[in-house]
C-alpha cells in the first residue's frame, strides 16, 4: 500500500499519533483487501485484534 495518502500535513498530530494513525490505516487497508473488499460485522473482532497487534508492534519498535 502506498503511503501517499498519509504524507503531508499531519493535521496537527504529534509524531506518535501520526505513526499510530498510519499503522491503523495500513492494517485496515490490508484487512479490507484480504477479505475481498468487504468486512463483515462478524469479522470486526478479528480485524480489531489484527489492528491491535500492528499497534503493539509499532509501539515496541518505537521504544
Protein backbone atom coordinates (compact mmCIF):
# COMPACT_ATOMS: atom_id res chain seq x y z
CA UNK A 1 0.00 0.00 0.00
CA UNK A 2 1.29 3.42 -0.89
CA UNK A 3 1.92 5.92 1.87
CA UNK A 4 0.91 8.75 -0.46
CA UNK A 5 -2.41 9.30 1.26
CA UNK A 6 -0.84 9.67 4.69
CA UNK A 7 2.04 12.01 3.87
CA UNK A 8 1.86 15.75 4.09
CA UNK A 9 0.10 17.82 6.72
CA UNK A 10 -0.31 15.65 9.82
CA UNK A 11 -3.34 17.75 10.90
CA UNK A 12 -1.53 18.95 14.00
CA UNK A 13 -0.96 15.41 15.31
CA UNK A 14 2.12 14.54 17.30
CA UNK A 15 4.63 12.24 15.58
CA UNK A 16 3.41 9.35 17.77
CA UNK A 17 -0.23 9.92 16.84
CA UNK A 18 0.69 10.28 13.17
CA UNK A 19 2.53 6.93 13.32
CA UNK A 20 -0.44 5.37 15.14
CA UNK A 21 -2.90 6.68 12.55
CA UNK A 22 -0.74 5.39 9.70
CA UNK A 23 -0.33 1.97 11.33
CA UNK A 24 -4.08 1.59 11.86
CA UNK A 25 -4.81 2.75 8.31
CA UNK A 26 -2.33 0.28 6.82
CA UNK A 27 -3.76 -2.65 8.76
CA UNK A 28 -7.35 -1.72 7.95
CA UNK A 29 -6.40 -1.46 4.29
CA UNK A 30 -4.73 -4.89 4.47
CA UNK A 31 -7.75 -6.44 6.19
CA UNK A 32 -10.10 -4.88 3.63
CA UNK A 33 -8.06 -6.30 0.75
CA UNK A 34 -7.67 -9.69 2.47
CA UNK A 35 -11.42 -10.00 2.93
CA UNK A 36 -12.40 -9.21 -0.65
CA UNK A 37 -13.07 -5.50 -0.08
CA UNK A 38 -15.78 -6.25 2.42
CA UNK A 39 -15.52 -6.52 6.18
CA UNK A 40 -18.47 -8.37 7.66
CA UNK A 41 -19.80 -7.41 11.07
CA UNK A 42 -18.83 -10.85 12.37
CA UNK A 43 -15.21 -10.17 11.30
CA UNK A 44 -14.83 -6.99 13.36
CA UNK A 45 -13.38 -8.70 16.47
CA UNK A 46 -10.65 -10.33 14.36
CA UNK A 47 -9.98 -7.10 12.47
CA UNK A 48 -9.70 -5.23 15.78
CA UNK A 49 -7.33 -7.91 17.06
CA UNK A 50 -5.10 -7.56 13.99
CA UNK A 51 -5.08 -3.77 14.32
CA UNK A 52 -4.11 -4.14 17.98
CA UNK A 53 -1.22 -6.45 17.06
CA UNK A 54 0.08 -3.91 14.50
CA UNK A 55 -0.16 -1.08 17.05
CA UNK A 56 1.70 -3.20 19.60
CA UNK A 57 4.46 -3.88 17.04
CA UNK A 58 4.70 -0.17 16.25
CA UNK A 59 4.96 0.78 19.93
CA UNK A 60 7.62 -1.88 20.58
CA UNK A 61 9.63 -0.62 17.60
CA UNK A 62 9.49 2.95 18.92
CA UNK A 63 10.68 2.04 22.43
